[in-house]
Amino acid sequence: MPARSNRSRTVEQPSPTTQARMITKSSVVTSLTVRAAGLVPARLDLAHVGTAEQQLGLTLGTVLIYVRAGETARAVADGWSGAAVGARSLAPAVAGRRPLLIGPTTVAAMIRFAGLPDVTWASLPSQVGGAVPAMLRIEIGPVTWEVCDATAYTSMLRAWRQAARLLGENPTEDE
């Protein structure tokens, strides 16, 4: 039988600076605010059509949104449509940067929507003598979209309607 050692082992703890740089295994983003102006590039990618693994990737600018069910996309599209009243007060277009390219390397945030998310909206008047333009704030779960002009509103509404139509035309096995 081997002899047991009573020596204790010293384990070095990382310094506070090192600990601050570590990424935890689980983290939760409780809110995300996205400000949009001008034409928002949109891309729709549907994978595993008609199966239980079906998933639509909707990229709006730098935000990638995953949706699996047509009813989820329809709830969001209907919520955006309902905000049209507030979009009437937006400027037609706000000058901004050139249009962004879209693809995996440009994604800044990934979101997954499921079920029937609540979509709320509010019109925000311009501030500081017009230095901050009037905006339309649309909230979907933890995501708040601050839409600065009618062009951005229309381009994102069009994308949500396309997502709802695409998923509605391709129900999953369990829908």
C-alpha atoms as a PDB file:
ATOM      1  CA  MET A   1       0.000   0.000   0.000  1.00  0.00           C
ATOM      2  CA  PRO A   2       1.513   3.384  -0.998  1.00  0.00           C
ATOM      3  CA  ALA A   3       2.313   5.897   1.720  1.00  0.00           C
ATOM      4  CA  ARG A   4       0.107   9.029   1.893  1.00  0.00           C
ATOM      5  CA  SER A   5       1.619  12.466   1.935  1.00  0.00           C
ATOM      6  CA  ASN A   6       0.369  15.081   4.380  1.00  0.00           C
ATOM      7  CA  ARG A   7       1.835  17.956   2.355  1.00  0.00           C
ATOM      8  CA  SER A   8      -0.655  20.615   1.308  1.00  0.00           C
ATOM      9  CA  ARG A   9      -0.614  21.992  -2.206  1.00  0.00           C
ATOM     10  CA  THR A  10      -0.588  25.752  -2.820  1.00  0.00           C
ATOM     11  CA  VAL A  11      -2.843  26.971  -5.624  1.00  0.00           C
ATOM     12  CA  GLU A  12      -2.166  30.442  -6.960  1.00  0.00           C
ATOM     13  CA  GLN A  13      -5.218  32.635  -7.339  1.00  0.00           C
ATOM     14  CA  PRO A  14      -5.327  34.968 -10.353  1.00  0.00           C
ATOM     15  CA  SER A  15      -4.772  38.640  -9.615  1.00  0.00           C
ATOM     16  CA  PRO A  16      -7.831  40.968  -9.583  1.00  0.00           C
ATOM     17  CA  THR A  17      -6.715  42.379 -12.959  1.00  0.00           C
ATOM     18  CA  THR A  18      -6.552  38.914 -14.491  1.00  0.00           C
ATOM     19  CA  GLN A  19      -9.924  37.998 -12.987  1.00  0.00           C
ATOM     20  CA  ALA A  20     -11.504  41.120 -14.489  1.00  0.00           C
ATOM     21  CA  ARG A  21     -10.401  40.000 -17.957  1.00  0.00           C
ATOM     22  CA  MET A  22     -11.819  36.497 -17.607  1.00  0.00           C
ATOM     23  CA  ILE A  23     -15.108  35.725 -19.314  1.00  0.00           C
ATOM     24  CA  THR A  24     -17.530  33.798 -17.175  1.00  0.00           C
ATOM     25  CA  LYS A  25     -19.046  30.595 -18.493  1.00  0.00           C
ATOM     26  CA  SER A  26     -22.501  32.076 -18.313  1.00  0.00           C
ATOM     27  CA  SER A  27     -23.412  35.684 -18.810  1.00  0.00           C
ATOM     28  CA  VAL A  28     -26.695  37.373 -19.537  1.00  0.00           C
ATOM     29  CA  VAL A  29     -27.325  40.602 -21.369  1.00  0.00           C
ATOM     30  CA  THR A  30     -30.327  42.200 -19.720  1.00  0.00           C
ATOM     31  CA  SER A  31     -30.795  44.968 -22.273  1.00  0.00           C
ATOM     32  CA  LEU A  32     -29.475  46.158 -25.591  1.00  0.00           C
ATOM     33  CA  THR A  33     -30.117  49.495 -27.277  1.00  0.00           C
ATOM     34  CA  VAL A  34     -29.610  49.845 -31.017  1.00  0.00           C
ATOM     35  CA  ARG A  35     -29.880  53.213 -32.749  1.00  0.00           C
ATOM     36  CA  ALA A  36     -30.700  53.115 -36.460  1.00  0.00           C
ATOM     37  CA  ALA A  37     -30.732  55.788 -39.140  1.00  0.00           C
ATOM     38  CA  GLY A  38     -30.900  55.548 -42.911  1.00  0.00           C
ATOM     39  CA  LEU A  39     -31.213  52.358 -44.868  1.00  0.00           C
ATOM     40  CA  VAL A  40     -30.610  49.430 -42.499  1.00  0.00           C
ATOM     41  CA  PRO A  41     -29.126  46.491 -44.414  1.00  0.00           C
ATOM     42  CA  ALA A  42     -31.083  43.293 -43.869  1.00  0.00           C
ATOM     43  CA  ARG A  43     -30.331  39.664 -44.604  1.00  0.00           C
ATOM     44  CA  LEU A  44     -32.483  36.578 -44.067  1.00  0.00           C
ATOM     45  CA  ASP A  45     -30.994  33.069 -43.845  1.00  0.00           C
ATOM     46  CA  LEU A  46     -33.357  30.119 -43.341  1.00  0.00           C
ATOM     47  CA  ALA A  47     -31.846  26.773 -42.337  1.00  0.00           C
ATOM     48  CA  HIS A  48     -33.346  23.292 -41.810  1.00  0.00           C
ATOM     49  CA  VAL A  49     -36.615  24.270 -43.519  1.00  0.00           C
ATOM     50  CA  GLY A  50     -39.745  22.493 -42.257  1.00  0.00           C
ATOM     51  CA  THR A  51     -37.998  20.515 -39.516  1.00  0.00           C
ATOM     52  CA  ALA A  52     -37.977  20.926 -35.753  1.00  0.00           C
ATOM     53  CA  GLU A  53     -34.492  22.479 -36.125  1.00  0.00           C
ATOM     54  CA  GLN A  54     -35.721  25.202 -38.505  1.00  0.00           C
ATOM     55  CA  GLN A  55     -34.192  28.573 -37.730  1.00  0.00           C
ATOM     56  CA  LEU A  56     -34.228  31.935 -39.444  1.00  0.00           C
ATOM     57  CA  GLY A  57     -31.282  34.255 -39.012  1.00  0.00           C
ATOM     58  CA  LEU A  58     -32.400  37.840 -39.574  1.00  0.00           C
ATOM     59  CA  THR A  59     -29.525  40.308 -39.688  1.00  0.00           C
ATOM     60  CA  LEU A  60     -30.524  43.953 -39.236  1.00  0.00           C
ATOM     61  CA  GLY A  61     -27.394  46.052 -39.512  1.00  0.00           C
ATOM     62  CA  THR A  62     -25.050  44.638 -36.880  1.00  0.00           C
ATOM     63  CA  VAL A  63     -27.686  42.669 -34.952  1.00  0.00           C
ATOM     64  CA  LEU A  64     -28.324  38.996 -35.745  1.00  0.00           C
ATOM     65  CA  ILE A  65     -31.703  37.748 -34.562  1.00  0.00           C
ATOM     66  CA  TYR A  66     -32.651  34.069 -34.504  1.00  0.00           C
ATOM     67  CA  VAL A  67     -36.320  33.133 -34.832  1.00  0.00           C
ATOM     68  CA  ARG A  68     -37.721  29.612 -35.192  1.00  0.00           C
ATOM     69  CA  ALA A  69     -41.494  30.061 -35.425  1.00  0.00           C
ATOM     70  CA  GLY A  70     -43.627  32.045 -37.815  1.00  0.00           C
ATOM     71  CA  GLU A  71     -45.862  33.215 -34.976  1.00  0.00           C
ATOM     72  CA  THR A  72     -42.861  34.869 -33.279  1.00  0.00           C
ATOM     73  CA  ALA A  73     -41.830  36.741 -36.424  1.00  0.00           C
ATOM     74  CA  ARG A  74     -45.477  37.693 -37.075  1.00  0.00           C
ATOM     75  CA  ALA A  75     -45.850  39.103 -33.532  1.00  0.00           C
ATOM     76  CA  VAL A  76     -42.779  41.296 -34.033  1.00  0.00           C
ATOM     77  CA  ALA A  77     -43.824  42.362 -37.549  1.00  0.00           C
ATOM     78  CA  ASP A  78     -47.299  43.270 -36.263  1.00  0.00           C
ATOM     79  CA  GLY A  79     -45.745  45.243 -33.405  1.00  0.00           C
ATOM     80  CA  TRP A  80     -43.552  47.183 -35.844  1.00  0.00           C
ATOM     81  CA  SER A  81     -46.601  47.807 -38.054  1.00  0.00           C
ATOM     82  CA  GLY A  82     -48.463  49.171 -35.033  1.00  0.00           C
ATOM     83  CA  ALA A  83     -45.668  51.687 -34.505  1.00  0.00           C
ATOM     84  CA  ALA A  84     -46.381  53.278 -37.910  1.00  0.00           C
ATOM     85  CA  VAL A  85     -48.374  55.986 -36.137  1.00  0.00           C
ATOM     86  CA  GLY A  86     -45.236  57.048 -34.290  1.00  0.00           C
ATOM     87  CA  ALA A  87     -43.082  56.724 -37.417  1.00  0.00           C
ATOM     88  CA  ARG A  88     -45.099  59.455 -39.121  1.00  0.00           C
ATOM     89  CA  SER A  89     -43.351  62.078 -36.991  1.00  0.00           C
ATOM     90  CA  LEU A  90     -39.863  60.941 -38.045  1.00  0.00           C
ATOM     91  CA  ALA A  91     -37.721  62.831 -40.550  1.00  0.00           C
ATOM     92  CA  PRO A  92     -37.643  61.116 -43.964  1.00  0.00           C
ATOM     93  CA  ALA A  93     -33.895  60.479 -43.657  1.00  0.00           C
ATOM     94  CA  VAL A  94     -31.067  61.445 -41.339  1.00  0.00           C
ATOM     95  CA  ALA A  95     -27.621  61.772 -42.898  1.00  0.00           C
ATOM     96  CA  GLY A  96     -25.263  59.204 -41.514  1.00  0.00           C
ATOM     97  CA  ARG A  97     -22.418  56.911 -42.375  1.00  0.00           C
ATOM     98  CA  ARG A  98     -22.269  54.884 -45.534  1.00  0.00           C
ATOM     99  CA  PRO A  99     -24.293  51.651 -45.536  1.00  0.00           C
ATOM    100  CA  LEU A 100     -22.750  48.783 -43.615  1.00  0.00           C
ATOM    101  CA  LEU A 101     -21.815  45.503 -45.197  1.00  0.00           C
ATOM    102  CA  ILE A 102     -23.550  42.581 -43.549  1.00  0.00           C
ATOM    103  CA  GLY A 103     -22.250  39.158 -42.723  1.00  0.00           C
ATOM    104  CA  PRO A 104     -20.763  37.132 -39.887  1.00  0.00           C
ATOM    105  CA  THR A 105     -17.824  39.482 -39.383  1.00  0.00           C
ATOM    106  CA  THR A 106     -20.019  42.543 -38.838  1.00  0.00           C
ATOM    107  CA  VAL A 107     -22.372  41.130 -36.186  1.00  0.00           C
ATOM    108  CA  ALA A 108     -22.133  42.990 -32.886  1.00  0.00           C
ATOM    109  CA  ALA A 109     -24.949  41.194 -31.043  1.00  0.00           C
ATOM    110  CA  MET A 110     -26.930  37.979 -31.391  1.00  0.00           C
ATOM    111  CA  ILE A 111     -30.451  37.673 -30.013  1.00  0.00           C
ATOM    112  CA  ARG A 112     -32.945  34.788 -29.947  1.00  0.00           C
ATOM    113  CA  PHE A 113     -36.651  35.592 -29.939  1.00  0.00           C
ATOM    114  CA  ALA A 114     -39.230  32.927 -29.092  1.00  0.00           C
ATOM    115  CA  GLY A 115     -42.898  32.744 -28.199  1.00  0.00           C
ATOM    116  CA  LEU A 116     -44.992  35.867 -28.594  1.00  0.00           C
ATOM    117  CA  PRO A 117     -42.791  38.771 -27.543  1.00  0.00           C
ATOM    118  CA  ASP A 118     -44.404  42.011 -26.429  1.00  0.00           C
ATOM    119  CA  VAL A 119     -43.614  44.871 -28.759  1.00  0.00           C
ATOM    120  CA  THR A 120     -44.080  48.353 -27.320  1.00  0.00           C
ATOM    121  CA  TRP A 121     -43.251  51.700 -28.829  1.00  0.00           C
ATOM    122  CA  ALA A 122     -43.086  55.364 -27.932  1.00  0.00           C
ATOM    123  CA  SER A 123     -42.346  58.547 -29.847  1.00  0.00           C
ATOM    124  CA  LEU A 124     -39.514  60.612 -28.409  1.00  0.00           C
ATOM    125  CA  PRO A 125     -39.486  64.324 -29.332  1.00  0.00           C
ATOM    126  CA  SER A 126     -36.306  65.999 -30.523  1.00  0.00           C
ATOM    127  CA  GLN A 127     -34.062  67.410 -27.802  1.00  0.00           C
ATOM    128  CA  VAL A 128     -31.569  70.229 -27.343  1.00  0.00           C
ATOM    129  CA  GLY A 129     -33.096  72.417 -30.029  1.00  0.00           C
ATOM    130  CA  GLY A 130     -33.088  69.637 -32.629  1.00  0.00           C
ATOM    131  CA  ALA A 131     -29.474  68.542 -32.037  1.00  0.00           C
ATOM    132  CA  VAL A 132     -30.869  65.126 -31.060  1.00  0.00           C
ATOM    133  CA  PRO A 133     -33.559  64.236 -33.613  1.00  0.00           C
ATOM    134  CA  ALA A 134     -36.993  62.889 -32.793  1.00  0.00           C
ATOM    135  CA  MET A 135     -36.891  59.105 -32.484  1.00  0.00           C
ATOM    136  CA  LEU A 136     -39.234  56.165 -32.382  1.00  0.00           C
ATOM    137  CA  ARG A 137     -38.356  53.765 -29.559  1.00  0.00           C
ATOM    138  CA  ILE A 138     -39.490  50.184 -30.211  1.00  0.00           C
ATOM    139  CA  GLU A 139     -38.913  47.611 -27.459  1.00  0.00           C
ATOM    140  CA  ILE A 140     -38.956  43.868 -28.074  1.00  0.00           C
ATOM    141  CA  GLY A 141     -37.997  41.988 -24.947  1.00  0.00           C
ATOM    142  CA  PRO A 142     -34.504  43.118 -23.908  1.00  0.00           C
ATOM    143  CA  VAL A 143     -33.851  44.925 -27.209  1.00  0.00           C
ATOM    144  CA  THR A 144     -34.664  48.615 -27.647  1.00  0.00           C
ATOM    145  CA  TRP A 145     -34.497  50.041 -31.142  1.00  0.00           C
ATOM    146  CA  GLU A 146     -34.129  53.811 -31.353  1.00  0.00           C
ATOM    147  CA  VAL A 147     -35.222  54.567 -34.901  1.00  0.00           C
ATOM    148  CA  CYS A 148     -34.112  58.010 -36.074  1.00  0.00           C
ATOM    149  CA  ASP A 149     -35.822  58.300 -39.456  1.00  0.00           C
ATOM    150  CA  ALA A 150     -38.561  56.910 -41.683  1.00  0.00           C
ATOM    151  CA  THR A 151     -36.031  55.192 -43.945  1.00  0.00           C
ATOM    152  CA  ALA A 152     -34.692  53.071 -41.069  1.00  0.00           C
ATOM    153  CA  TYR A 153     -38.211  52.305 -39.832  1.00  0.00           C
ATOM    154  CA  THR A 154     -39.397  51.222 -43.290  1.00  0.00           C
ATOM    155  CA  SER A 155     -36.355  49.059 -44.039  1.00  0.00           C
ATOM    156  CA  MET A 156     -36.629  47.183 -40.731  1.00  0.00           C
ATOM    157  CA  LEU A 157     -40.414  46.790 -41.019  1.00  0.00           C
ATOM    158  CA  ARG A 158     -39.932  45.309 -44.499  1.00  0.00           C
ATOM    159  CA  ALA A 159     -37.368  42.815 -43.124  1.00  0.00           C
ATOM    160  CA  TRP A 160     -39.666  41.715 -40.270  1.00  0.00           C
ATOM    161  CA  ARG A 161     -42.559  41.249 -42.712  1.00  0.00           C
ATOM    162  CA  GLN A 162     -40.327  39.132 -44.965  1.00  0.00           C
ATOM    163  CA  ALA A 163     -39.255  37.041 -41.969  1.00  0.00           C
ATOM    164  CA  ALA A 164     -42.883  36.484 -40.939  1.00  0.00           C
ATOM    165  CA  ARG A 165     -43.868  35.559 -44.486  1.00  0.00           C
ATOM    166  CA  LEU A 166     -40.900  33.205 -44.935  1.00  0.00           C
ATOM    167  CA  LEU A 167     -41.493  31.382 -41.648  1.00  0.00           C
ATOM    168  CA  GLY A 168     -45.277  31.374 -42.177  1.00  0.00           C
ATOM    169  CA  GLU A 169     -44.835  29.674 -45.541  1.00  0.00           C
ATOM    170  CA  ASN A 170     -42.510  27.066 -44.002  1.00  0.00           C
ATOM    171  CA  PRO A 171     -44.048  25.803 -40.753  1.00  0.00           C
ATOM    172  CA  THR A 172     -42.026  23.397 -38.636  1.00  0.00           C
ATOM    173  CA  GLU A 173     -43.113  19.838 -37.853  1.00  0.00           C
ATOM    174  CA  ASP A 174     -44.405  20.936 -34.427  1.00  0.00           C
ATOM    175  CA  GLU A 175     -46.331  24.060 -35.541  1.00  0.00           C
END
